[in-house]
Amino acid sequence: MASEDTIRLEIVTPYDLIYDGHADMVVVTAADGEIGILPGHTAMFAALKDGEIRFRMGEEWQILSASIGYAEISPDLTIVVVNSAEWLDKIDVARAQRSLERAQKRLADPQTSILERRRSYNSVARATNRIKVAGRYDKSRKHLGES
């Protein structure tokens, strides 16, 4: 249920609606740094880079690894559109490492086409980000404030 103390948040990829609900606070990784979004935030657009999306409801933080995209921010609604997003607890670090190694091999191969190089570059960025986000948080924690 919405209140003036929360902001409505939609997180969307080309393939899925990842989240549609409310949050007390949202943090996105913009091209020039992190942006913290609270209810009543000034309207703006932000280009997003590979990083993370965090949002808090009460004491609990939800965390996603996310790729490039944009955020449309208004005082009562934030829409985040990214190429891909993955919940922290769904990240398979071993799979991401294998994906990173495959993409790096394709980039090192002089026979790789320009199109395949572009795809491989994106795969490297996505896998590297997934590994980084997973490594940043201990999955057993309920929220970011715990040590």
N, C-alpha and C. Protein backbone atom coordinates (compact mmCIF):
# COMPACT_ATOMS: atom_id res chain seq x y z
N MET A 1 0.84 -1.17 0.00
CA MET A 1 0.00 0.00 0.00
C MET A 1 0.88 1.24 0.00
N ALA A 2 0.56 2.19 -0.86
CA ALA A 2 1.36 3.38 -1.02
C ALA A 2 1.08 4.39 0.09
N SER A 3 2.07 5.16 0.41
CA SER A 3 1.90 6.29 1.31
C SER A 3 2.86 7.37 0.85
N GLU A 4 2.72 8.54 1.44
CA GLU A 4 3.65 9.59 1.03
C GLU A 4 5.05 9.37 1.58
N ASP A 5 5.22 8.32 2.40
CA ASP A 5 6.54 7.98 2.94
C ASP A 5 7.27 6.95 2.08
N THR A 6 6.63 6.49 0.99
CA THR A 6 7.27 5.53 0.10
C THR A 6 7.22 6.06 -1.33
N ILE A 7 8.02 5.44 -2.14
CA ILE A 7 8.05 5.78 -3.56
C ILE A 7 7.71 4.50 -4.34
N ARG A 8 6.92 4.64 -5.37
CA ARG A 8 6.63 3.48 -6.22
C ARG A 8 7.84 3.23 -7.10
N LEU A 9 8.22 1.95 -7.23
CA LEU A 9 9.41 1.57 -7.98
C LEU A 9 9.05 0.49 -8.99
N GLU A 10 9.45 0.71 -10.23
CA GLU A 10 9.34 -0.31 -11.27
C GLU A 10 10.74 -0.56 -11.82
N ILE A 11 11.12 -1.83 -11.88
CA ILE A 11 12.40 -2.22 -12.47
C ILE A 11 12.06 -3.14 -13.64
N VAL A 12 12.49 -2.72 -14.84
CA VAL A 12 12.08 -3.39 -16.07
C VAL A 12 13.30 -3.73 -16.92
N THR A 13 13.28 -4.92 -17.54
CA THR A 13 14.25 -5.29 -18.58
C THR A 13 13.45 -5.51 -19.86
N PRO A 14 14.12 -5.69 -21.00
CA PRO A 14 13.37 -5.97 -22.23
C PRO A 14 12.55 -7.25 -22.15
N TYR A 15 12.86 -8.11 -21.20
CA TYR A 15 12.22 -9.43 -21.14
C TYR A 15 11.27 -9.62 -19.97
N ASP A 16 11.32 -8.73 -18.97
CA ASP A 16 10.55 -9.01 -17.76
C ASP A 16 10.35 -7.75 -16.93
N LEU A 17 9.27 -7.76 -16.17
CA LEU A 17 9.08 -6.78 -15.12
C LEU A 17 9.68 -7.41 -13.87
N ILE A 18 10.82 -6.89 -13.43
CA ILE A 18 11.57 -7.47 -12.32
C ILE A 18 10.93 -7.13 -10.97
N TYR A 19 10.47 -5.89 -10.83
CA TYR A 19 9.88 -5.47 -9.57
C TYR A 19 8.86 -4.37 -9.85
N ASP A 20 7.74 -4.45 -9.18
CA ASP A 20 6.71 -3.40 -9.23
C ASP A 20 6.12 -3.32 -7.83
N GLY A 21 6.56 -2.32 -7.09
CA GLY A 21 6.10 -2.19 -5.71
C GLY A 21 6.53 -0.86 -5.14
N HIS A 22 6.68 -0.82 -3.84
CA HIS A 22 7.04 0.42 -3.16
C HIS A 22 8.35 0.25 -2.40
N ALA A 23 8.99 1.38 -2.12
CA ALA A 23 10.25 1.38 -1.39
C ALA A 23 10.34 2.65 -0.56
N ASP A 24 11.07 2.55 0.55
CA ASP A 24 11.35 3.73 1.36
C ASP A 24 12.47 4.55 0.72
N MET A 25 13.41 3.84 0.08
CA MET A 25 14.57 4.48 -0.55
C MET A 25 15.05 3.60 -1.69
N VAL A 26 15.55 4.23 -2.75
CA VAL A 26 16.10 3.53 -3.90
C VAL A 26 17.48 4.11 -4.17
N VAL A 27 18.44 3.23 -4.51
CA VAL A 27 19.78 3.68 -4.88
C VAL A 27 20.12 3.01 -6.21
N VAL A 28 20.50 3.82 -7.21
CA VAL A 28 20.90 3.31 -8.52
C VAL A 28 22.32 3.76 -8.83
N THR A 29 22.99 3.00 -9.71
CA THR A 29 24.35 3.34 -10.11
C THR A 29 24.29 4.13 -11.42
N ALA A 30 24.43 5.43 -11.31
CA ALA A 30 24.38 6.31 -12.48
C ALA A 30 25.77 6.44 -13.10
N ALA A 31 25.80 6.98 -14.29
CA ALA A 31 27.07 7.14 -15.01
C ALA A 31 28.07 7.97 -14.22
N ASP A 32 27.59 8.90 -13.40
CA ASP A 32 28.50 9.76 -12.65
C ASP A 32 28.45 9.52 -11.14
N GLY A 33 28.00 8.34 -10.72
CA GLY A 33 27.98 7.99 -9.31
C GLY A 33 26.62 7.47 -8.88
N GLU A 34 26.52 7.10 -7.61
CA GLU A 34 25.26 6.60 -7.11
C GLU A 34 24.28 7.74 -6.84
N ILE A 35 23.00 7.44 -7.08
CA ILE A 35 21.93 8.39 -6.79
C ILE A 35 21.00 7.75 -5.77
N GLY A 36 20.81 8.43 -4.65
CA GLY A 36 19.84 7.99 -3.65
C GLY A 36 18.52 8.70 -3.90
N ILE A 37 17.44 7.94 -3.92
CA ILE A 37 16.13 8.48 -4.27
C ILE A 37 15.18 8.23 -3.11
N LEU A 38 14.62 9.31 -2.59
CA LEU A 38 13.62 9.25 -1.52
C LEU A 38 12.30 9.79 -2.06
N PRO A 39 11.19 9.50 -1.41
CA PRO A 39 9.93 10.10 -1.84
C PRO A 39 10.06 11.62 -1.90
N GLY A 40 9.48 12.22 -2.93
CA GLY A 40 9.55 13.66 -3.10
C GLY A 40 10.77 14.13 -3.87
N HIS A 41 11.58 13.19 -4.40
CA HIS A 41 12.80 13.54 -5.15
C HIS A 41 12.45 14.42 -6.35
N THR A 42 13.33 15.32 -6.68
CA THR A 42 13.17 16.16 -7.85
C THR A 42 13.12 15.30 -9.11
N ALA A 43 12.26 15.65 -10.04
CA ALA A 43 12.14 14.90 -11.29
C ALA A 43 13.44 15.00 -12.10
N MET A 44 13.87 13.87 -12.65
CA MET A 44 15.08 13.85 -13.47
C MET A 44 15.19 12.53 -14.22
N PHE A 45 16.04 12.50 -15.22
CA PHE A 45 16.45 11.29 -15.90
C PHE A 45 17.91 11.04 -15.56
N ALA A 46 18.30 9.78 -15.49
CA ALA A 46 19.70 9.46 -15.21
C ALA A 46 20.12 8.28 -16.08
N ALA A 47 21.28 8.42 -16.74
CA ALA A 47 21.88 7.30 -17.46
C ALA A 47 22.52 6.39 -16.42
N LEU A 48 22.28 5.08 -16.55
CA LEU A 48 22.82 4.12 -15.60
C LEU A 48 23.93 3.32 -16.25
N LYS A 49 24.93 2.97 -15.44
CA LYS A 49 26.00 2.11 -15.91
C LYS A 49 25.88 0.77 -15.18
N ASP A 50 26.68 -0.21 -15.60
CA ASP A 50 26.69 -1.49 -14.92
C ASP A 50 26.97 -1.25 -13.45
N GLY A 51 26.16 -1.84 -12.60
CA GLY A 51 26.33 -1.65 -11.16
C GLY A 51 25.24 -2.37 -10.42
N GLU A 52 24.65 -1.70 -9.47
CA GLU A 52 23.61 -2.34 -8.69
C GLU A 52 22.43 -1.41 -8.49
N ILE A 53 21.32 -2.02 -8.18
CA ILE A 53 20.11 -1.32 -7.75
C ILE A 53 19.82 -1.84 -6.35
N ARG A 54 19.66 -0.92 -5.41
CA ARG A 54 19.28 -1.30 -4.05
C ARG A 54 18.01 -0.55 -3.70
N PHE A 55 17.13 -1.22 -2.97
CA PHE A 55 15.99 -0.50 -2.42
C PHE A 55 15.63 -1.07 -1.07
N ARG A 56 15.09 -0.19 -0.24
CA ARG A 56 14.81 -0.56 1.15
C ARG A 56 13.33 -0.40 1.44
N MET A 57 12.79 -1.41 2.11
CA MET A 57 11.45 -1.35 2.70
C MET A 57 11.62 -1.70 4.17
N GLY A 58 11.34 -0.76 5.03
CA GLY A 58 11.57 -0.97 6.46
C GLY A 58 13.06 -1.13 6.70
N GLU A 59 13.44 -2.21 7.35
CA GLU A 59 14.85 -2.47 7.64
C GLU A 59 15.52 -3.35 6.60
N GLU A 60 14.76 -3.89 5.67
CA GLU A 60 15.31 -4.86 4.72
C GLU A 60 15.65 -4.22 3.37
N TRP A 61 16.88 -4.48 2.92
CA TRP A 61 17.35 -4.03 1.62
C TRP A 61 17.23 -5.17 0.61
N GLN A 62 16.80 -4.83 -0.59
CA GLN A 62 16.80 -5.76 -1.71
C GLN A 62 17.88 -5.27 -2.68
N ILE A 63 18.64 -6.21 -3.25
CA ILE A 63 19.79 -5.84 -4.07
C ILE A 63 19.75 -6.60 -5.38
N LEU A 64 20.03 -5.88 -6.47
CA LEU A 64 20.12 -6.50 -7.79
C LEU A 64 21.41 -6.06 -8.47
N SER A 65 21.98 -6.95 -9.25
CA SER A 65 23.04 -6.60 -10.18
C SER A 65 22.33 -6.13 -11.44
N ALA A 66 22.75 -5.02 -12.01
CA ALA A 66 22.05 -4.47 -13.17
C ALA A 66 23.04 -3.95 -14.21
N SER A 67 22.63 -4.01 -15.46
CA SER A 67 23.46 -3.50 -16.55
C SER A 67 23.03 -2.08 -16.92
N ILE A 68 23.56 -1.60 -18.02
CA ILE A 68 23.29 -0.23 -18.44
C ILE A 68 21.80 -0.01 -18.70
N GLY A 69 21.39 1.24 -18.59
CA GLY A 69 20.01 1.60 -18.83
C GLY A 69 19.78 3.04 -18.43
N TYR A 70 18.57 3.30 -17.96
CA TYR A 70 18.26 4.65 -17.49
C TYR A 70 17.22 4.58 -16.39
N ALA A 71 17.14 5.66 -15.63
CA ALA A 71 16.12 5.79 -14.59
C ALA A 71 15.34 7.08 -14.84
N GLU A 72 14.04 6.97 -14.79
CA GLU A 72 13.15 8.13 -14.85
C GLU A 72 12.62 8.33 -13.44
N ILE A 73 12.98 9.44 -12.85
CA ILE A 73 12.69 9.70 -11.44
C ILE A 73 11.69 10.85 -11.34
N SER A 74 10.66 10.65 -10.56
CA SER A 74 9.71 11.72 -10.26
C SER A 74 9.45 11.69 -8.76
N PRO A 75 8.74 12.65 -8.20
CA PRO A 75 8.57 12.68 -6.75
C PRO A 75 7.93 11.43 -6.14
N ASP A 76 7.07 10.74 -6.90
CA ASP A 76 6.38 9.59 -6.32
C ASP A 76 6.56 8.29 -7.09
N LEU A 77 7.37 8.30 -8.15
CA LEU A 77 7.57 7.11 -8.98
C LEU A 77 8.98 7.12 -9.56
N THR A 78 9.64 5.97 -9.49
CA THR A 78 10.93 5.78 -10.16
C THR A 78 10.80 4.56 -11.06
N ILE A 79 11.10 4.75 -12.34
CA ILE A 79 11.09 3.66 -13.30
C ILE A 79 12.54 3.42 -13.73
N VAL A 80 13.01 2.21 -13.53
CA VAL A 80 14.38 1.84 -13.90
C VAL A 80 14.28 0.86 -15.06
N VAL A 81 14.88 1.21 -16.18
CA VAL A 81 14.89 0.35 -17.37
C VAL A 81 16.35 -0.02 -17.64
N VAL A 82 16.65 -1.31 -17.55
CA VAL A 82 18.02 -1.79 -17.76
C VAL A 82 18.00 -2.98 -18.72
N ASN A 83 19.14 -3.23 -19.35
CA ASN A 83 19.23 -4.36 -20.28
C ASN A 83 19.08 -5.69 -19.57
N SER A 84 19.62 -5.80 -18.35
CA SER A 84 19.48 -7.02 -17.57
C SER A 84 19.56 -6.68 -16.09
N ALA A 85 18.93 -7.53 -15.27
CA ALA A 85 18.98 -7.36 -13.82
C ALA A 85 18.84 -8.74 -13.19
N GLU A 86 19.56 -8.94 -12.10
CA GLU A 86 19.53 -10.23 -11.42
C GLU A 86 19.56 -10.00 -9.91
N TRP A 87 18.62 -10.62 -9.20
CA TRP A 87 18.57 -10.52 -7.75
C TRP A 87 19.85 -11.09 -7.16
N LEU A 88 20.35 -10.49 -6.11
CA LEU A 88 21.58 -10.91 -5.46
C LEU A 88 21.57 -12.40 -5.13
N ASP A 89 20.49 -12.88 -4.57
CA ASP A 89 20.45 -14.29 -4.15
C ASP A 89 20.32 -15.27 -5.32
N LYS A 90 20.16 -14.77 -6.53
CA LYS A 90 20.08 -15.63 -7.72
C LYS A 90 21.39 -15.65 -8.51
N ILE A 91 22.35 -14.82 -8.12
CA ILE A 91 23.62 -14.76 -8.85
C ILE A 91 24.42 -16.04 -8.59
N ASP A 92 24.78 -16.71 -9.67
CA ASP A 92 25.63 -17.91 -9.61
C ASP A 92 27.04 -17.45 -9.99
N VAL A 93 27.89 -17.25 -9.00
CA VAL A 93 29.22 -16.70 -9.23
C VAL A 93 30.06 -17.62 -10.12
N ALA A 94 29.96 -18.91 -9.93
CA ALA A 94 30.74 -19.85 -10.76
C ALA A 94 30.31 -19.75 -12.22
N ARG A 95 29.01 -19.64 -12.46
CA ARG A 95 28.52 -19.49 -13.83
C ARG A 95 28.98 -18.16 -14.43
N ALA A 96 28.94 -17.10 -13.63
CA ALA A 96 29.40 -15.79 -14.10
C ALA A 96 30.89 -15.84 -14.44
N GLN A 97 31.67 -16.54 -13.63
CA GLN A 97 33.11 -16.67 -13.89
C GLN A 97 33.35 -17.42 -15.20
N ARG A 98 32.59 -18.49 -15.44
CA ARG A 98 32.73 -19.24 -16.70
C ARG A 98 32.34 -18.36 -17.89
N SER A 99 31.29 -17.60 -17.75
CA SER A 99 30.85 -16.69 -18.81
C SER A 99 31.92 -15.64 -19.10
N LEU A 100 32.53 -15.12 -18.05
CA LEU A 100 33.60 -14.13 -18.20
C LEU A 100 34.78 -14.74 -18.96
N GLU A 101 35.18 -15.94 -18.59
CA GLU A 101 36.31 -16.59 -19.25
C GLU A 101 36.02 -16.87 -20.73
N ARG A 102 34.79 -17.32 -21.04
CA ARG A 102 34.43 -17.56 -22.45
C ARG A 102 34.48 -16.27 -23.26
N ALA A 103 33.93 -15.21 -22.70
CA ALA A 103 33.90 -13.93 -23.41
C ALA A 103 35.31 -13.38 -23.60
N GLN A 104 36.16 -13.52 -22.60
CA GLN A 104 37.54 -13.05 -22.73
C GLN A 104 38.29 -13.83 -23.81
N LYS A 105 38.04 -15.13 -23.91
CA LYS A 105 38.67 -15.94 -24.96
C LYS A 105 38.22 -15.48 -26.34
N ARG A 106 36.91 -15.18 -26.48
CA ARG A 106 36.42 -14.69 -27.79
C ARG A 106 37.05 -13.35 -28.13
N LEU A 107 37.24 -12.49 -27.15
CA LEU A 107 37.86 -11.19 -27.41
C LEU A 107 39.33 -11.33 -27.79
N ALA A 108 39.99 -12.34 -27.25
CA ALA A 108 41.42 -12.55 -27.55
C ALA A 108 41.63 -13.21 -28.91
N ASP A 109 40.59 -13.80 -29.47
CA ASP A 109 40.71 -14.52 -30.75
C ASP A 109 40.64 -13.52 -31.91
N PRO A 110 41.69 -13.42 -32.73
CA PRO A 110 41.67 -12.46 -33.84
C PRO A 110 40.63 -12.82 -34.92
N GLN A 111 40.12 -14.03 -34.90
CA GLN A 111 39.11 -14.44 -35.87
C GLN A 111 37.68 -14.04 -35.48
N THR A 112 37.51 -13.52 -34.28
CA THR A 112 36.18 -13.14 -33.80
C THR A 112 35.67 -11.94 -34.59
N SER A 113 34.44 -12.04 -35.09
CA SER A 113 33.83 -10.96 -35.89
C SER A 113 33.57 -9.72 -35.03
N ILE A 114 33.35 -8.61 -35.70
CA ILE A 114 33.07 -7.35 -34.99
C ILE A 114 31.80 -7.48 -34.16
N LEU A 115 30.77 -8.09 -34.73
CA LEU A 115 29.52 -8.28 -33.99
C LEU A 115 29.74 -9.14 -32.75
N GLU A 116 30.47 -10.24 -32.92
CA GLU A 116 30.74 -11.12 -31.79
C GLU A 116 31.63 -10.43 -30.75
N ARG A 117 32.52 -9.55 -31.17
CA ARG A 117 33.33 -8.78 -30.23
C ARG A 117 32.45 -7.87 -29.37
N ARG A 118 31.48 -7.22 -30.01
CA ARG A 118 30.56 -6.36 -29.26
C ARG A 118 29.78 -7.17 -28.23
N ARG A 119 29.28 -8.30 -28.65
CA ARG A 119 28.54 -9.18 -27.72
C ARG A 119 29.45 -9.65 -26.58
N SER A 120 30.68 -9.99 -26.93
CA SER A 120 31.64 -10.47 -25.92
C SER A 120 31.99 -9.37 -24.93
N TYR A 121 32.16 -8.15 -25.44
CA TYR A 121 32.45 -7.02 -24.55
C TYR A 121 31.31 -6.84 -23.55
N ASN A 122 30.05 -6.92 -24.04
CA ASN A 122 28.89 -6.80 -23.14
C ASN A 122 28.84 -7.96 -22.15
N SER A 123 29.21 -9.16 -22.61
CA SER A 123 29.24 -10.33 -21.71
C SER A 123 30.27 -10.16 -20.61
N VAL A 124 31.44 -9.62 -20.98
CA VAL A 124 32.48 -9.36 -19.97
C VAL A 124 31.97 -8.37 -18.93
N ALA A 125 31.34 -7.29 -19.39
CA ALA A 125 30.84 -6.27 -18.46
C ALA A 125 29.76 -6.86 -17.54
N ARG A 126 28.84 -7.61 -18.10
CA ARG A 126 27.75 -8.19 -17.31
C ARG A 126 28.28 -9.20 -16.28
N ALA A 127 29.17 -10.10 -16.72
CA ALA A 127 29.72 -11.12 -15.81
C ALA A 127 30.57 -10.47 -14.71
N THR A 128 31.39 -9.51 -15.09
CA THR A 128 32.24 -8.81 -14.11
C THR A 128 31.38 -8.12 -13.06
N ASN A 129 30.29 -7.49 -13.50
CA ASN A 129 29.41 -6.80 -12.56
C ASN A 129 28.71 -7.79 -11.63
N ARG A 130 28.24 -8.91 -12.16
CA ARG A 130 27.58 -9.91 -11.32
C ARG A 130 28.54 -10.42 -10.24
N ILE A 131 29.79 -10.69 -10.64
CA ILE A 131 30.79 -11.17 -9.68
C ILE A 131 31.07 -10.10 -8.62
N LYS A 132 31.19 -8.86 -9.05
CA LYS A 132 31.47 -7.75 -8.14
C LYS A 132 30.34 -7.55 -7.13
N VAL A 133 29.09 -7.53 -7.61
CA VAL A 133 27.96 -7.31 -6.73
C VAL A 133 27.83 -8.48 -5.74
N ALA A 134 27.96 -9.70 -6.23
CA ALA A 134 27.86 -10.87 -5.35
C ALA A 134 28.96 -10.84 -4.29
N GLY A 135 30.15 -10.41 -4.67
CA GLY A 135 31.26 -10.36 -3.72
C GLY A 135 31.14 -9.25 -2.70
N ARG A 136 30.37 -8.23 -3.02
CA ARG A 136 30.25 -7.08 -2.14
C ARG A 136 29.38 -7.36 -0.91
N TYR A 137 28.47 -8.31 -1.04
CA TYR A 137 27.52 -8.57 0.04
C TYR A 137 27.60 -10.00 0.51
N ASP A 138 27.52 -10.18 1.80
CA ASP A 138 27.39 -11.50 2.40
C ASP A 138 25.91 -11.86 2.28
N LYS A 139 25.59 -12.88 1.51
CA LYS A 139 24.20 -13.23 1.24
C LYS A 139 23.41 -13.59 2.49
N SER A 140 24.07 -13.87 3.59
CA SER A 140 23.35 -14.25 4.81
C SER A 140 22.80 -13.02 5.55
N ARG A 141 23.23 -11.82 5.17
CA ARG A 141 22.76 -10.62 5.87
C ARG A 141 21.34 -10.28 5.43
N LYS A 142 20.56 -9.78 6.39
CA LYS A 142 19.19 -9.37 6.09
C LYS A 142 19.15 -7.97 5.49
N HIS A 143 20.07 -7.10 5.88
CA HIS A 143 20.11 -5.74 5.35
C HIS A 143 21.53 -5.20 5.43
N LEU A 144 21.74 -4.09 4.77
CA LEU A 144 23.09 -3.54 4.62
C LEU A 144 23.70 -3.03 5.92
N GLY A 145 22.88 -2.74 6.91
CA GLY A 145 23.40 -2.15 8.13
C GLY A 145 24.13 -3.10 9.05
N GLU A 146 24.06 -4.41 8.79
CA GLU A 146 24.73 -5.38 9.66
C GLU A 146 26.21 -5.44 9.34
N SER A 147 27.01 -5.76 10.36
CA SER A 147 28.45 -5.93 10.12
C SER A 147 28.82 -7.37 10.11
